[in-house]
Amino acid sequence: MNFWQLIVAECKAILTDKAIMTTLFGGVLFYSILYPSPYLYEVPTEQPVVVVDQDNSSLSRLLIRHADASAKIKILTNVSSIAQAQTWIEEGKAHGLLVIPPNFRRDLMLGKGATLSYGGDASYFLIYAAVVEGLLNAGIDASKQVQLIGLLARGQNPELAQQAINSISLNSVPAFNPSLGYTPYVVPGLFLLILHQTLLIGTGILGASQWRKPGYWQQVRPVTLVLARLSVFMMIYALFSSYYLGYCFYWYKVNVVATVLEVGLFMLPFLLATAALGIYLSSYFYRRELPTQLYLLVSMPILFVSGFVWPVELIPQPLVLASQAIPAIPAIMGMIELGQLGSGWLAVMPKWLQLWGLFAVFVTMAIMAISDKQKDFKIKS
C-alpha cells in the first residue's frame, strides 16, 4: 500500500464511521451555534426594577425618570412598601428595587444629604451589576441636578455652574474589544477549544476502532501511517478552521486585526500538535466511547487554565506549568493576542515555537506508540 492508497483508506475509515462523522462535522457545526448563543445579547440591559418612593417629590420623580432613561434598567412601577418590592423580586417580576427615603428632596435642599437604597437579586451577578450600575448613575445625575439648583440659587452664572458640576469629562475608549461585548471576547477562545476537543475525539475514536482488529494500519510503517493520518485530519480541519475563523467570526462580528496569512501560520502547528497528540493518546483507548467521555470531562479545566476566562495568576503555578503541554493552552492565548489584541507576530512567536515543539514531541510519541501497537498485535496473533 503506497502513501496515496493509505490516504484513501484513512478517508474511507473516517467517512464511514458514524461516530467520527457525528463528532467532527455535527459537533463542529452544532457547537458553532450553541456556544455563542448565550452571548448574542452581549451585555444585560433593560433590567426590570421597582421603586419605593417614600418622598413623592419633584426631585424623587426626576430621579426615577433618570433611572428609567438608563440603558441598564427599566422602571416597572412604583410600589407602596419594601415588602411589596421584595415580593416582586421573589416572584421574578423584577430584578432590583430602588428605595427613595422620606424627606429626600428637603434634606438635599438643606444640604443634609440623603441615602438612596438599592437592592436586587444577586443570583445572576451580571444582571445585579447592571441594576446597581444603572441606579448608581441615576443617583449621581440627581446629585448633580441638586448641586446645579443650589449654585443657581446662590446667583451663580448658569454656564459656570454647569462647568462646576462637570469639572472632569471622562472620555473612555477601550483599547481592545471596542464593543465591550461578550461575543468578541469569548468566541475566539471557545472556537479554538472546540477544534482542539473534536480533533482529539476524532483521532481517539479512529484509533480505538482499529487497534483490536486487523486492518490496513498493520500493513504500513508507523511513520507512514502517522503522516497519512495527520494529512487527512489536517485537510478536514483546514476546512473547519476556515469555517470558524472565517464565516463564524464574520457572522458573530468578531473583530480580527491579524492577516489571513498570520492566522493560517499560527493555526498550522496548533492543528498538527493536536492531531499528533490525539493519535498518540488513541493508543491507550480500546473502547470507542472513552475518548468522547474523557475529552469532554477535561474541556472545562482546559478552558479555565487557558487564561482568557480566569486569571492564570489565581491558578496554582504547577497546574499552569503542566498545562503548557496541552496544545490548546498556548494556541488560545496566542491567537487572541494575534487576532484580537493586535500584538504582532513577534509577540506570539514564543507560543508559535512552543506549538512546533509540542508537535515534534507528540509526533515522535505517536510513531513509537503505533510501532508498539503493531508489534503487540503480531505477538497476540
Protein backbone atom coordinates (compact mmCIF):
# COMPACT_ATOMS: atom_id res chain seq x y z
CA MET A 1 0.00 0.00 0.00
CA ASN A 2 1.56 3.29 -1.06
CA PHE A 3 1.02 6.65 0.62
CA TRP A 4 -1.88 7.77 -1.58
CA GLN A 5 -3.69 4.46 -1.13
CA LEU A 6 -3.21 4.91 2.60
CA ILE A 7 -4.69 8.41 2.39
CA VAL A 8 -7.75 6.97 0.64
CA ALA A 9 -8.05 4.23 3.25
CA GLU A 10 -7.87 6.80 6.06
CA CYS A 11 -10.53 8.96 4.43
CA LYS A 12 -12.76 5.92 3.96
CA ALA A 13 -12.27 4.88 7.61
CA ILE A 14 -13.28 8.34 8.80
CA LEU A 15 -16.17 8.97 6.40
CA THR A 16 -17.78 5.56 7.00
CA ASP A 17 -17.62 5.84 10.78
CA LYS A 18 -20.86 7.39 12.04
CA ALA A 19 -19.42 8.29 15.45
CA ILE A 20 -16.48 10.16 13.93
CA MET A 21 -18.66 11.91 11.37
CA THR A 22 -21.14 12.95 14.05
CA THR A 23 -18.36 14.25 16.30
CA LEU A 24 -16.40 16.07 13.63
CA PHE A 25 -18.96 17.51 11.25
CA GLY A 26 -22.03 17.50 13.50
CA GLY A 27 -20.16 18.62 16.60
CA VAL A 28 -18.29 21.47 14.92
CA LEU A 29 -21.48 22.76 13.28
CA PHE A 30 -23.62 22.30 16.40
CA TYR A 31 -21.13 23.96 18.75
CA SER A 32 -20.68 26.91 16.40
CA ILE A 33 -24.33 27.74 17.10
CA LEU A 34 -24.71 26.51 20.67
CA TYR A 35 -21.73 28.08 22.44
CA PRO A 36 -22.04 31.69 21.18
CA SER A 37 -25.84 31.74 21.68
CA PRO A 38 -25.79 32.82 25.36
CA TYR A 39 -23.55 35.77 24.44
CA LEU A 40 -25.52 37.14 21.49
CA TYR A 41 -27.13 39.85 23.62
CA GLU A 42 -23.62 40.96 24.61
CA VAL A 43 -24.46 42.74 27.91
CA PRO A 44 -27.61 42.76 30.10
CA THR A 45 -29.82 45.80 29.51
CA GLU A 46 -33.33 46.96 30.41
CA GLN A 47 -33.37 45.05 33.69
CA PRO A 48 -36.77 45.43 35.43
CA VAL A 49 -36.68 47.48 38.66
CA VAL A 50 -39.44 48.57 41.05
CA VAL A 51 -39.35 51.80 43.07
CA VAL A 52 -40.44 52.54 46.63
CA ASP A 53 -40.88 56.32 46.53
CA GLN A 54 -41.43 57.43 50.13
CA ASP A 55 -40.83 61.10 49.30
CA ASN A 56 -43.06 61.59 46.26
CA SER A 57 -41.46 64.93 45.44
CA SER A 58 -40.48 66.58 42.18
CA LEU A 59 -36.84 65.56 42.80
CA SER A 60 -37.71 61.92 43.52
CA ARG A 61 -39.74 61.78 40.32
CA LEU A 62 -36.79 63.32 38.46
CA LEU A 63 -34.55 60.62 39.91
CA ILE A 64 -36.98 57.92 38.73
CA ARG A 65 -37.06 59.40 35.23
CA HIS A 66 -33.24 59.43 35.12
CA ALA A 67 -33.16 55.81 36.24
CA ASP A 68 -35.70 54.81 33.59
CA ALA A 69 -33.66 56.61 30.95
CA SER A 70 -30.65 54.42 31.74
CA ALA A 71 -29.96 51.68 29.20
CA LYS A 72 -29.19 49.28 32.04
CA ILE A 73 -32.57 49.30 33.78
CA LYS A 74 -36.27 49.72 33.16
CA ILE A 75 -38.57 51.08 35.88
CA LEU A 76 -41.63 48.85 36.07
CA THR A 77 -43.78 50.51 38.69
CA ASN A 78 -43.90 52.40 41.98
CA VAL A 79 -44.90 50.12 44.86
CA SER A 80 -46.03 51.16 48.32
CA SER A 81 -43.56 49.26 50.54
CA ILE A 82 -40.23 47.46 50.59
CA ALA A 83 -42.03 44.20 51.42
CA GLN A 84 -44.09 44.54 48.25
CA ALA A 85 -40.94 45.24 46.24
CA GLN A 86 -39.31 42.11 47.68
CA THR A 87 -42.36 40.11 46.60
CA TRP A 88 -41.90 41.35 43.04
CA ILE A 89 -38.27 40.21 43.12
CA GLU A 90 -39.10 36.84 44.71
CA GLU A 91 -41.72 36.20 42.03
CA GLY A 92 -39.20 37.04 39.31
CA LYS A 93 -41.14 40.04 38.04
CA ALA A 94 -38.28 42.42 38.89
CA HIS A 95 -34.54 42.08 39.39
CA GLY A 96 -33.96 45.10 41.60
CA LEU A 97 -35.51 47.81 43.78
CA LEU A 98 -34.80 51.46 44.48
CA VAL A 99 -35.88 52.99 47.81
CA ILE A 100 -36.16 56.77 47.98
CA PRO A 101 -36.39 57.80 51.67
CA PRO A 102 -38.89 60.30 53.12
CA ASN A 103 -37.84 63.96 53.04
CA PHE A 104 -35.39 63.16 50.24
CA ARG A 105 -35.82 66.50 48.47
CA ARG A 106 -36.00 68.58 51.66
CA ASP A 107 -32.81 67.10 53.13
CA LEU A 108 -30.89 67.64 49.92
CA MET A 109 -32.07 71.22 49.63
CA LEU A 110 -30.98 71.85 53.21
CA GLY A 111 -27.59 70.35 52.42
CA LYS A 112 -28.03 67.47 54.89
CA GLY A 113 -27.54 64.72 52.35
CA ALA A 114 -29.77 61.70 51.77
CA THR A 115 -29.26 57.97 51.42
CA LEU A 116 -30.69 56.06 48.47
CA SER A 117 -31.05 52.32 48.95
CA TYR A 118 -30.51 49.85 46.11
CA GLY A 119 -31.20 46.15 46.19
CA GLY A 120 -31.60 43.24 43.85
CA ASP A 121 -31.32 39.57 43.08
CA ALA A 122 -27.58 38.82 43.02
CA SER A 123 -28.06 35.22 41.88
CA TYR A 124 -27.06 36.40 38.41
CA PHE A 125 -24.15 38.71 39.11
CA LEU A 126 -24.14 40.28 35.63
CA ILE A 127 -27.81 41.28 35.98
CA TYR A 128 -27.21 42.54 39.51
CA ALA A 129 -24.20 44.57 38.33
CA ALA A 130 -26.31 46.12 35.56
CA VAL A 131 -29.04 47.09 38.06
CA VAL A 132 -26.57 48.61 40.52
CA GLU A 133 -24.67 50.47 37.80
CA GLY A 134 -27.86 51.90 36.30
CA LEU A 135 -29.22 53.06 39.67
CA LEU A 136 -25.84 54.43 40.75
CA ASN A 137 -25.58 56.54 37.60
CA ALA A 138 -29.12 57.80 38.13
CA GLY A 139 -28.23 58.79 41.71
CA ILE A 140 -25.14 60.66 40.51
CA ASP A 141 -27.21 62.50 37.89
CA ALA A 142 -29.77 63.51 40.54
CA SER A 143 -26.98 64.69 42.84
CA LYS A 144 -25.58 66.88 40.07
CA GLN A 145 -29.04 68.30 39.48
CA VAL A 146 -29.32 69.28 43.13
CA GLN A 147 -25.88 70.90 43.04
CA LEU A 148 -26.88 72.83 39.94
CA ILE A 149 -30.06 74.09 41.60
CA GLY A 150 -28.06 75.18 44.65
CA LEU A 151 -25.47 77.03 42.58
CA LEU A 152 -28.16 78.81 40.57
CA ALA A 153 -29.99 79.75 43.79
CA ARG A 154 -26.81 81.41 45.01
CA GLY A 155 -26.66 83.53 41.84
CA GLN A 156 -24.01 81.54 40.01
CA ASN A 157 -23.72 82.02 36.26
CA PRO A 158 -25.57 79.06 34.57
CA GLU A 159 -22.64 78.29 32.27
CA LEU A 160 -20.14 78.40 35.12
CA ALA A 161 -22.49 76.31 37.25
CA GLN A 162 -22.62 73.60 34.55
CA GLN A 163 -18.83 73.61 34.37
CA ALA A 164 -18.55 73.36 38.14
CA ILE A 165 -20.65 70.19 38.41
CA ASN A 166 -19.00 68.63 35.36
CA SER A 167 -15.43 69.71 36.03
CA ILE A 168 -13.98 66.43 34.70
CA SER A 169 -15.15 64.86 31.44
CA LEU A 170 -14.19 61.22 31.11
CA ASN A 171 -13.51 60.02 27.56
CA SER A 172 -13.34 56.26 27.92
CA VAL A 173 -12.05 54.43 24.82
CA PRO A 174 -11.37 50.68 25.14
CA ALA A 175 -8.07 49.65 23.58
CA PHE A 176 -9.37 46.16 22.81
CA ASN A 177 -12.85 44.72 22.31
CA PRO A 178 -14.26 48.15 21.37
CA SER A 179 -17.86 46.91 21.51
CA LEU A 180 -17.34 45.80 25.14
CA GLY A 181 -19.37 42.71 24.28
CA TYR A 182 -19.01 39.13 25.42
CA THR A 183 -19.15 37.59 21.95
CA PRO A 184 -15.94 39.13 20.53
CA TYR A 185 -14.19 38.33 23.79
CA VAL A 186 -15.32 34.73 24.39
CA VAL A 187 -15.96 33.26 20.94
CA PRO A 188 -12.36 33.19 19.57
CA GLY A 189 -11.07 31.17 22.51
CA LEU A 190 -14.11 28.90 22.58
CA PHE A 191 -13.80 28.07 18.89
CA LEU A 192 -10.17 27.02 19.28
CA LEU A 193 -11.12 24.86 22.25
CA ILE A 194 -13.88 23.20 20.18
CA LEU A 195 -11.43 22.46 17.36
CA HIS A 196 -8.99 21.05 19.90
CA GLN A 197 -11.54 18.81 21.61
CA THR A 198 -13.23 17.46 18.47
CA LEU A 199 -9.87 16.72 16.85
CA LEU A 200 -8.76 14.75 19.91
CA ILE A 201 -12.07 12.87 19.98
CA GLY A 202 -11.96 12.08 16.25
CA THR A 203 -8.43 10.68 16.35
CA GLY A 204 -9.23 8.83 19.56
CA ILE A 205 -12.31 7.08 18.15
CA LEU A 206 -10.47 6.16 14.94
CA GLY A 207 -7.59 4.62 16.87
CA ALA A 208 -9.80 2.80 19.35
CA SER A 209 -11.73 1.30 16.42
CA GLN A 210 -8.62 -0.13 14.76
CA TRP A 211 -6.20 -1.41 17.38
CA ARG A 212 -8.13 -4.56 18.27
CA LYS A 213 -8.69 -5.91 14.78
CA PRO A 214 -6.50 -6.45 11.71
CA GLY A 215 -6.51 -3.80 9.03
CA TYR A 216 -4.50 -1.59 6.75
CA TRP A 217 -2.86 0.06 9.75
CA GLN A 218 -0.66 -3.04 10.14
CA GLN A 219 0.46 -3.09 6.51
CA VAL A 220 2.38 0.19 6.56
CA ARG A 221 5.24 1.62 8.54
CA PRO A 222 4.29 3.59 11.68
CA VAL A 223 5.82 6.76 10.23
CA THR A 224 3.76 6.45 7.07
CA LEU A 225 0.54 5.77 8.99
CA VAL A 226 1.06 8.78 11.27
CA LEU A 227 1.87 11.10 8.34
CA ALA A 228 -1.16 9.90 6.39
CA ARG A 229 -3.46 10.30 9.39
CA LEU A 230 -2.09 13.76 10.07
CA SER A 231 -2.60 14.72 6.42
CA VAL A 232 -6.24 13.60 6.37
CA PHE A 233 -7.16 15.32 9.62
CA MET A 234 -5.32 18.44 8.55
CA MET A 235 -7.39 18.60 5.36
CA ILE A 236 -10.61 18.22 7.35
CA TYR A 237 -9.61 20.76 9.99
CA ALA A 238 -8.36 23.26 7.47
CA LEU A 239 -11.99 23.32 6.31
CA PHE A 240 -13.32 23.57 9.87
CA SER A 241 -10.83 26.29 10.78
CA SER A 242 -11.85 28.31 7.74
CA TYR A 243 -15.49 27.96 8.77
CA TYR A 244 -14.83 29.02 12.38
CA LEU A 245 -12.24 31.74 11.86
CA GLY A 246 -13.79 33.00 8.65
CA TYR A 247 -17.54 32.69 8.30
CA CYS A 248 -18.38 32.39 12.02
CA PHE A 249 -16.16 35.33 13.00
CA TYR A 250 -17.89 37.39 10.31
CA TRP A 251 -21.35 36.21 11.41
CA TYR A 252 -20.73 36.93 15.11
CA LYS A 253 -18.95 40.20 14.26
CA VAL A 254 -15.66 39.19 15.86
CA ASN A 255 -13.00 41.73 15.02
CA VAL A 256 -9.75 40.23 13.67
CA VAL A 257 -6.75 42.50 13.19
CA ALA A 258 -4.31 39.82 12.00
CA THR A 259 -3.92 38.93 8.34
CA VAL A 260 -5.14 35.66 6.85
CA LEU A 261 -1.53 34.55 6.38
CA GLU A 262 -0.68 35.20 10.04
CA VAL A 263 -3.76 33.32 11.24
CA GLY A 264 -3.00 30.40 8.91
CA LEU A 265 0.64 30.21 10.01
CA PHE A 266 -0.37 30.19 13.66
CA MET A 267 -3.10 27.58 13.19
CA LEU A 268 -0.76 25.15 11.36
CA PRO A 269 1.35 23.98 14.35
CA PHE A 270 -1.70 24.06 16.61
CA LEU A 271 -3.65 21.61 14.45
CA LEU A 272 -0.57 19.44 13.82
CA ALA A 273 0.31 19.24 17.52
CA THR A 274 -3.29 18.48 18.49
CA ALA A 275 -3.67 15.78 15.84
CA ALA A 276 -0.33 14.19 16.81
CA LEU A 277 -1.35 14.25 20.48
CA GLY A 278 -4.69 12.68 19.58
CA ILE A 279 -3.01 9.88 17.60
CA TYR A 280 -0.64 9.19 20.47
CA LEU A 281 -3.37 9.16 23.14
CA SER A 282 -5.56 6.96 20.93
CA SER A 283 -3.10 4.12 21.56
CA TYR A 284 -4.45 3.96 25.13
CA PHE A 285 -8.09 3.59 24.10
CA TYR A 286 -9.72 0.22 23.44
CA ARG A 287 -13.33 1.33 23.73
CA ARG A 288 -14.77 3.80 21.23
CA GLU A 289 -16.83 5.75 23.75
CA LEU A 290 -13.92 6.54 26.10
CA PRO A 291 -12.31 9.38 24.04
CA THR A 292 -15.56 11.35 23.97
CA GLN A 293 -16.16 10.91 27.70
CA LEU A 294 -12.59 11.78 28.70
CA TYR A 295 -12.11 14.81 26.46
CA LEU A 296 -15.47 16.31 27.36
CA LEU A 297 -14.58 16.00 31.04
CA VAL A 298 -11.26 17.82 30.64
CA SER A 299 -12.62 20.55 28.37
CA MET A 300 -13.75 22.79 31.24
CA PRO A 301 -10.44 22.63 33.17
CA ILE A 302 -8.61 23.44 29.92
CA LEU A 303 -10.92 26.40 29.37
CA PHE A 304 -10.15 27.86 32.81
CA VAL A 305 -6.43 27.20 32.78
CA SER A 306 -6.07 28.75 29.31
CA GLY A 307 -6.20 32.18 30.96
CA PHE A 308 -8.83 34.04 28.93
CA VAL A 309 -11.81 33.41 31.22
CA TRP A 310 -9.93 33.26 34.52
CA PRO A 311 -6.65 34.94 35.52
CA VAL A 312 -3.76 32.48 35.47
CA GLU A 313 -2.31 34.34 38.47
CA LEU A 314 -5.14 32.84 40.56
CA ILE A 315 -4.41 29.29 39.37
CA PRO A 316 -1.75 27.16 41.13
CA GLN A 317 1.55 27.64 39.32
CA PRO A 318 2.34 23.90 38.96
CA LEU A 319 -1.02 23.44 37.21
CA VAL A 320 -0.27 26.34 34.87
CA LEU A 321 3.16 24.91 34.01
CA ALA A 322 1.77 21.41 33.42
CA SER A 323 -0.96 22.78 31.17
CA GLN A 324 1.64 24.18 28.77
CA ALA A 325 1.92 20.66 27.33
CA ILE A 326 -1.66 20.94 26.03
CA PRO A 327 -1.69 22.49 22.53
CA ALA A 328 -4.89 24.45 23.23
CA ILE A 329 -3.24 26.48 26.02
CA PRO A 330 -0.59 28.38 24.01
CA ALA A 331 -2.86 28.38 20.94
CA ILE A 332 -5.83 30.11 22.59
CA MET A 333 -3.87 32.93 24.19
CA GLY A 334 -1.59 33.27 21.17
CA MET A 335 -4.49 33.54 18.76
CA ILE A 336 -6.29 36.07 20.97
CA GLU A 337 -3.12 38.16 21.20
CA LEU A 338 -2.58 37.93 17.45
CA GLY A 339 -6.13 38.23 16.17
CA GLN A 340 -7.95 40.36 18.74
CA LEU A 341 -5.26 42.32 20.60
CA GLY A 342 -3.07 43.05 17.59
CA SER A 343 0.11 42.09 19.40
CA GLY A 344 2.00 41.34 16.22
CA TRP A 345 3.84 38.25 15.08
CA LEU A 346 6.95 38.78 17.21
CA ALA A 347 4.87 38.84 20.40
CA VAL A 348 3.30 35.43 19.69
CA MET A 349 6.50 33.88 18.31
CA PRO A 350 7.32 32.07 21.61
CA LYS A 351 3.88 30.40 21.63
CA TRP A 352 4.21 29.53 17.94
CA LEU A 353 7.59 27.88 18.56
CA GLN A 354 6.13 26.14 21.60
CA LEU A 355 3.42 24.62 19.39
CA TRP A 356 6.04 23.38 16.91
CA GLY A 357 7.99 21.89 19.82
CA LEU A 358 4.86 20.12 21.08
CA PHE A 359 4.23 18.78 17.58
CA ALA A 360 7.78 17.39 17.36
CA VAL A 361 7.39 15.62 20.71
CA PHE A 362 3.89 14.29 20.10
CA VAL A 363 4.52 13.04 16.57
CA THR A 364 7.56 11.10 17.83
CA MET A 365 5.49 9.63 20.65
CA ALA A 366 2.70 8.76 18.22
CA ILE A 367 5.09 6.90 15.88
CA MET A 368 6.56 4.96 18.80
CA ALA A 369 3.10 4.15 20.19
CA ILE A 370 1.82 2.82 16.85
CA SER A 371 5.01 0.80 16.38
CA ASP A 372 4.36 -0.83 19.75
CA LYS A 373 0.74 -1.47 18.77
CA GLN A 374 1.78 -3.26 15.59
CA LYS A 375 4.30 -5.40 17.47
CA ASP A 376 1.80 -6.30 20.18
CA PHE A 377 -0.82 -7.28 17.62
CA LYS A 378 1.64 -9.55 15.80
CA ILE A 379 2.62 -11.27 19.05
CA LYS A 380 -1.01 -11.85 20.07
CA SER A 381 -1.96 -13.13 16.63
